N, C-alpha and C. Protein backbone atom coordinates (compact mmCIF):
# COMPACT_ATOMS: atom_id res chain seq x y z
N MET A 1 52.04 42.17 -126.59
CA MET A 1 51.84 41.66 -125.25
C MET A 1 53.15 41.11 -124.70
N SER A 2 53.41 41.41 -123.47
CA SER A 2 54.61 40.88 -122.83
C SER A 2 54.27 39.56 -122.14
N ALA A 3 55.29 38.76 -121.96
CA ALA A 3 55.11 37.46 -121.31
C ALA A 3 54.87 37.67 -119.82
N LEU A 4 53.97 36.88 -119.28
CA LEU A 4 53.67 36.94 -117.85
C LEU A 4 54.65 36.07 -117.08
N PRO A 5 54.90 36.42 -115.83
CA PRO A 5 55.71 35.52 -114.99
C PRO A 5 54.99 34.19 -114.78
N LEU A 6 55.76 33.16 -114.49
CA LEU A 6 55.19 31.83 -114.34
C LEU A 6 54.14 31.78 -113.23
N TRP A 7 54.40 32.45 -112.10
CA TRP A 7 53.44 32.43 -110.99
C TRP A 7 52.11 33.03 -111.42
N ALA A 8 52.16 34.09 -112.24
CA ALA A 8 50.92 34.74 -112.70
C ALA A 8 50.15 33.82 -113.64
N GLU A 9 50.86 33.14 -114.52
CA GLU A 9 50.20 32.21 -115.43
C GLU A 9 49.52 31.09 -114.66
N ILE A 10 50.18 30.59 -113.61
CA ILE A 10 49.61 29.51 -112.80
C ILE A 10 48.37 29.99 -112.07
N VAL A 11 48.44 31.18 -111.47
CA VAL A 11 47.29 31.71 -110.73
C VAL A 11 46.12 31.98 -111.67
N ILE A 12 46.39 32.60 -112.80
CA ILE A 12 45.32 32.91 -113.75
C ILE A 12 44.70 31.63 -114.30
N THR A 13 45.53 30.66 -114.62
CA THR A 13 45.02 29.37 -115.11
C THR A 13 44.18 28.68 -114.05
N ALA A 14 44.64 28.70 -112.81
CA ALA A 14 43.86 28.07 -111.73
C ALA A 14 42.52 28.76 -111.54
N LEU A 15 42.50 30.09 -111.61
CA LEU A 15 41.24 30.82 -111.49
C LEU A 15 40.30 30.50 -112.65
N LEU A 16 40.83 30.42 -113.86
CA LEU A 16 39.99 30.11 -115.01
C LEU A 16 39.42 28.69 -114.93
N VAL A 17 40.25 27.74 -114.54
CA VAL A 17 39.77 26.35 -114.43
C VAL A 17 38.75 26.23 -113.30
N THR A 18 39.02 26.88 -112.17
CA THR A 18 38.07 26.86 -111.05
C THR A 18 36.75 27.51 -111.45
N GLY A 19 36.83 28.65 -112.13
CA GLY A 19 35.62 29.34 -112.57
C GLY A 19 34.82 28.51 -113.55
N ALA A 20 35.52 27.85 -114.48
CA ALA A 20 34.82 27.00 -115.44
C ALA A 20 34.17 25.81 -114.74
N ALA A 21 34.85 25.24 -113.74
CA ALA A 21 34.28 24.11 -113.00
C ALA A 21 33.03 24.53 -112.23
N PHE A 22 33.08 25.68 -111.57
CA PHE A 22 31.90 26.18 -110.85
C PHE A 22 30.74 26.45 -111.82
N ALA A 23 31.03 27.05 -112.95
CA ALA A 23 29.99 27.34 -113.93
C ALA A 23 29.38 26.05 -114.48
N LEU A 24 30.22 25.05 -114.71
CA LEU A 24 29.72 23.77 -115.21
C LEU A 24 28.83 23.09 -114.17
N VAL A 25 29.25 23.07 -112.93
CA VAL A 25 28.45 22.46 -111.87
C VAL A 25 27.13 23.22 -111.69
N GLY A 26 27.19 24.54 -111.73
CA GLY A 26 25.97 25.34 -111.61
C GLY A 26 25.01 25.10 -112.75
N SER A 27 25.52 25.01 -113.96
CA SER A 27 24.67 24.75 -115.13
C SER A 27 24.09 23.34 -115.07
N TRP A 28 24.90 22.38 -114.64
CA TRP A 28 24.41 21.01 -114.51
C TRP A 28 23.31 20.95 -113.46
N GLY A 29 23.48 21.66 -112.35
CA GLY A 29 22.45 21.68 -111.32
C GLY A 29 21.15 22.30 -111.81
N LEU A 30 21.26 23.34 -112.61
CA LEU A 30 20.07 23.97 -113.17
C LEU A 30 19.32 23.00 -114.07
N ALA A 31 20.04 22.20 -114.82
CA ALA A 31 19.41 21.28 -115.76
C ALA A 31 18.88 20.01 -115.10
N LYS A 32 19.54 19.52 -114.07
CA LYS A 32 19.24 18.18 -113.55
C LYS A 32 18.43 18.14 -112.25
N LEU A 33 18.46 19.18 -111.45
CA LEU A 33 17.77 19.10 -110.15
C LEU A 33 16.26 19.16 -110.34
N GLY A 34 15.54 18.67 -109.32
CA GLY A 34 14.11 18.45 -109.44
C GLY A 34 13.20 19.66 -109.46
N ASP A 35 13.02 20.29 -108.34
CA ASP A 35 12.03 21.37 -108.26
C ASP A 35 12.71 22.74 -108.36
N ILE A 36 11.89 23.77 -108.39
CA ILE A 36 12.39 25.13 -108.61
C ILE A 36 13.32 25.59 -107.50
N LEU A 37 13.06 25.20 -106.26
CA LEU A 37 13.90 25.65 -105.17
C LEU A 37 15.28 25.01 -105.21
N LYS A 38 15.35 23.76 -105.64
CA LYS A 38 16.66 23.11 -105.79
C LYS A 38 17.39 23.65 -107.01
N ARG A 39 16.66 23.86 -108.10
CA ARG A 39 17.29 24.36 -109.32
C ARG A 39 17.86 25.75 -109.16
N LEU A 40 17.34 26.50 -108.25
CA LEU A 40 17.77 27.88 -108.06
C LEU A 40 19.19 27.97 -107.52
N HIS A 41 19.65 26.96 -106.80
CA HIS A 41 20.99 27.01 -106.23
C HIS A 41 22.08 26.97 -107.30
N GLY A 42 21.82 26.31 -108.41
CA GLY A 42 22.82 26.24 -109.47
C GLY A 42 23.25 27.61 -109.98
N PRO A 43 22.33 28.35 -110.57
CA PRO A 43 22.75 29.64 -111.11
C PRO A 43 23.02 30.70 -110.05
N SER A 44 22.37 30.62 -108.91
CA SER A 44 22.56 31.71 -107.94
C SER A 44 23.80 31.54 -107.08
N LYS A 45 24.28 30.35 -106.92
CA LYS A 45 25.46 30.14 -106.08
C LYS A 45 26.69 29.77 -106.90
N ALA A 46 26.66 28.60 -107.51
CA ALA A 46 27.86 28.08 -108.17
C ALA A 46 28.25 28.89 -109.40
N THR A 47 27.29 29.25 -110.21
CA THR A 47 27.62 30.00 -111.41
C THR A 47 28.12 31.40 -111.07
N THR A 48 27.60 31.99 -110.02
CA THR A 48 28.09 33.30 -109.59
C THR A 48 29.55 33.21 -109.17
N LEU A 49 29.90 32.16 -108.44
CA LEU A 49 31.31 31.96 -108.07
C LEU A 49 32.18 31.70 -109.29
N GLY A 50 31.64 30.97 -110.25
CA GLY A 50 32.40 30.69 -111.46
C GLY A 50 32.70 31.95 -112.25
N VAL A 51 31.69 32.77 -112.45
CA VAL A 51 31.90 34.03 -113.18
C VAL A 51 32.82 34.95 -112.38
N GLY A 52 32.70 34.94 -111.06
CA GLY A 52 33.59 35.75 -110.22
C GLY A 52 35.05 35.35 -110.38
N CYS A 53 35.32 34.04 -110.44
CA CYS A 53 36.71 33.58 -110.64
C CYS A 53 37.24 34.00 -112.00
N VAL A 54 36.43 33.88 -113.02
CA VAL A 54 36.86 34.28 -114.37
C VAL A 54 37.12 35.79 -114.41
N LEU A 55 36.29 36.57 -113.76
CA LEU A 55 36.49 38.02 -113.74
C LEU A 55 37.76 38.40 -112.98
N VAL A 56 38.05 37.72 -111.89
CA VAL A 56 39.28 37.99 -111.15
C VAL A 56 40.50 37.63 -112.01
N ALA A 57 40.42 36.51 -112.74
CA ALA A 57 41.51 36.12 -113.63
C ALA A 57 41.72 37.16 -114.72
N SER A 58 40.64 37.66 -115.28
CA SER A 58 40.74 38.68 -116.33
C SER A 58 41.33 39.98 -115.78
N ALA A 59 40.87 40.39 -114.62
CA ALA A 59 41.39 41.62 -114.01
C ALA A 59 42.88 41.48 -113.71
N LEU A 60 43.29 40.34 -113.19
CA LEU A 60 44.70 40.11 -112.88
C LEU A 60 45.55 40.11 -114.15
N PHE A 61 45.06 39.46 -115.19
CA PHE A 61 45.80 39.41 -116.45
C PHE A 61 46.04 40.81 -117.00
N PHE A 62 44.98 41.61 -117.09
CA PHE A 62 45.14 42.94 -117.67
C PHE A 62 45.91 43.89 -116.76
N ALA A 63 45.82 43.68 -115.45
CA ALA A 63 46.60 44.50 -114.53
C ALA A 63 48.09 44.21 -114.68
N LEU A 64 48.44 42.94 -114.87
CA LEU A 64 49.85 42.59 -115.06
C LEU A 64 50.37 42.99 -116.43
N GLN A 65 49.48 43.20 -117.38
CA GLN A 65 49.88 43.67 -118.70
C GLN A 65 50.09 45.19 -118.72
N GLY A 66 49.76 45.86 -117.62
CA GLY A 66 49.92 47.30 -117.55
C GLY A 66 48.71 48.07 -118.06
N GLU A 67 47.59 47.38 -118.25
CA GLU A 67 46.36 48.01 -118.71
C GLU A 67 45.23 47.70 -117.74
N PRO A 68 45.29 48.21 -116.51
CA PRO A 68 44.21 47.88 -115.56
C PRO A 68 42.86 48.39 -116.06
N SER A 69 41.84 47.61 -115.78
CA SER A 69 40.50 47.92 -116.27
C SER A 69 39.50 47.80 -115.13
N LEU A 70 38.52 48.68 -115.14
CA LEU A 70 37.46 48.62 -114.14
C LEU A 70 36.26 47.83 -114.63
N HIS A 71 36.30 47.38 -115.88
CA HIS A 71 35.16 46.65 -116.42
C HIS A 71 34.84 45.39 -115.60
N GLU A 72 35.88 44.66 -115.25
CA GLU A 72 35.67 43.43 -114.49
C GLU A 72 35.06 43.70 -113.12
N LEU A 73 35.51 44.76 -112.48
CA LEU A 73 34.95 45.10 -111.17
C LEU A 73 33.49 45.52 -111.27
N LEU A 74 33.15 46.26 -112.31
CA LEU A 74 31.76 46.66 -112.50
C LEU A 74 30.86 45.46 -112.80
N ILE A 75 31.36 44.56 -113.64
CA ILE A 75 30.58 43.35 -113.94
C ILE A 75 30.36 42.54 -112.67
N ALA A 76 31.40 42.36 -111.87
CA ALA A 76 31.28 41.59 -110.62
C ALA A 76 30.31 42.28 -109.66
N LEU A 77 30.39 43.59 -109.56
CA LEU A 77 29.48 44.32 -108.68
C LEU A 77 28.03 44.11 -109.10
N PHE A 78 27.74 44.28 -110.38
CA PHE A 78 26.36 44.09 -110.85
C PHE A 78 25.92 42.65 -110.71
N LEU A 79 26.82 41.71 -110.93
CA LEU A 79 26.48 40.30 -110.79
C LEU A 79 26.13 39.96 -109.34
N PHE A 80 26.96 40.42 -108.40
CA PHE A 80 26.72 40.09 -107.01
C PHE A 80 25.54 40.85 -106.41
N ILE A 81 25.10 41.91 -107.08
CA ILE A 81 23.89 42.61 -106.63
C ILE A 81 22.65 41.98 -107.24
N THR A 82 22.69 41.67 -108.52
CA THR A 82 21.48 41.20 -109.20
C THR A 82 21.18 39.73 -108.99
N ALA A 83 22.17 38.88 -108.80
CA ALA A 83 21.91 37.44 -108.65
C ALA A 83 21.05 37.14 -107.42
N PRO A 84 21.36 37.66 -106.23
CA PRO A 84 20.50 37.36 -105.08
C PRO A 84 19.10 37.97 -105.21
N VAL A 85 19.01 39.14 -105.82
CA VAL A 85 17.70 39.79 -105.98
C VAL A 85 16.83 38.97 -106.93
N SER A 86 17.39 38.54 -108.05
CA SER A 86 16.60 37.75 -108.99
C SER A 86 16.23 36.40 -108.39
N ALA A 87 17.13 35.78 -107.63
CA ALA A 87 16.81 34.50 -106.98
C ALA A 87 15.67 34.68 -105.98
N HIS A 88 15.71 35.77 -105.23
CA HIS A 88 14.65 36.05 -104.27
C HIS A 88 13.30 36.23 -104.98
N LEU A 89 13.30 36.96 -106.08
CA LEU A 89 12.05 37.18 -106.81
C LEU A 89 11.52 35.89 -107.42
N ILE A 90 12.40 35.03 -107.88
CA ILE A 90 11.96 33.74 -108.43
C ILE A 90 11.34 32.88 -107.34
N VAL A 91 11.93 32.86 -106.15
CA VAL A 91 11.37 32.08 -105.03
C VAL A 91 10.02 32.64 -104.62
N LYS A 92 9.91 33.96 -104.54
CA LYS A 92 8.63 34.56 -104.17
C LYS A 92 7.54 34.21 -105.19
N ALA A 93 7.87 34.25 -106.48
CA ALA A 93 6.91 33.89 -107.51
C ALA A 93 6.53 32.42 -107.42
N ALA A 94 7.50 31.55 -107.16
CA ALA A 94 7.22 30.11 -107.04
C ALA A 94 6.32 29.83 -105.84
N MET A 95 6.55 30.50 -104.72
CA MET A 95 5.71 30.29 -103.54
C MET A 95 4.30 30.83 -103.76
N ARG A 96 4.17 31.86 -104.56
CA ARG A 96 2.83 32.39 -104.85
C ARG A 96 2.07 31.42 -105.75
N LEU A 97 2.76 30.80 -106.71
CA LEU A 97 2.11 29.86 -107.62
C LEU A 97 1.79 28.53 -106.94
N ASP A 98 2.65 28.09 -106.02
CA ASP A 98 2.45 26.81 -105.33
C ASP A 98 2.56 27.04 -103.83
N PRO A 99 1.43 27.24 -103.14
CA PRO A 99 1.48 27.50 -101.70
C PRO A 99 2.08 26.36 -100.88
N ALA A 100 2.17 25.15 -101.43
CA ALA A 100 2.75 24.03 -100.70
C ALA A 100 4.25 24.22 -100.48
N LEU A 101 4.87 25.11 -101.24
CA LEU A 101 6.30 25.39 -101.06
C LEU A 101 6.59 26.23 -99.83
N ARG A 102 5.57 26.89 -99.32
CA ARG A 102 5.78 27.77 -98.16
C ARG A 102 6.15 26.95 -96.92
N PRO A 103 7.12 27.44 -96.16
CA PRO A 103 7.45 26.72 -94.91
C PRO A 103 6.32 26.91 -93.89
N PRO A 104 6.21 25.97 -92.97
CA PRO A 104 5.16 26.12 -91.94
C PRO A 104 5.50 27.28 -91.00
N PRO A 105 4.48 27.85 -90.38
CA PRO A 105 4.73 28.91 -89.41
C PRO A 105 5.56 28.39 -88.24
N PRO A 106 6.28 29.25 -87.53
CA PRO A 106 7.10 28.80 -86.40
C PRO A 106 6.23 28.08 -85.35
N GLY A 107 6.75 26.98 -84.86
CA GLY A 107 6.06 26.21 -83.84
C GLY A 107 5.07 25.20 -84.38
N GLU A 108 4.83 25.20 -85.67
CA GLU A 108 3.89 24.27 -86.28
C GLU A 108 4.65 23.26 -87.13
N ARG A 109 4.24 21.99 -87.04
CA ARG A 109 4.93 20.94 -87.81
C ARG A 109 4.07 20.53 -88.97
N ARG A 110 4.73 19.99 -90.00
CA ARG A 110 4.00 19.45 -91.15
C ARG A 110 3.80 18.00 -91.01
């Protein structure tokens, strides 16, 4: 392996630290928030951003090493497609199990 330029090391390190921070916050939200609708924001938003930052750091590292890889792009594509779909299905299942979670119809107040 060849040594990376200083700017690349700084960018990759910043992406890894940012990704780890987002993943930590998302995991903490999943564990600590109250109901299913609040808990869903942790893995569907913050953790997705965290994994995205780590994948960008990995892609940049291997591209600068002269071994570009499409694995990171494929993982990111599948992640960004499946995370919203699974979150939507979890919300639909939760609303079916507990009708009180449903929002009121337009024009009607609770």
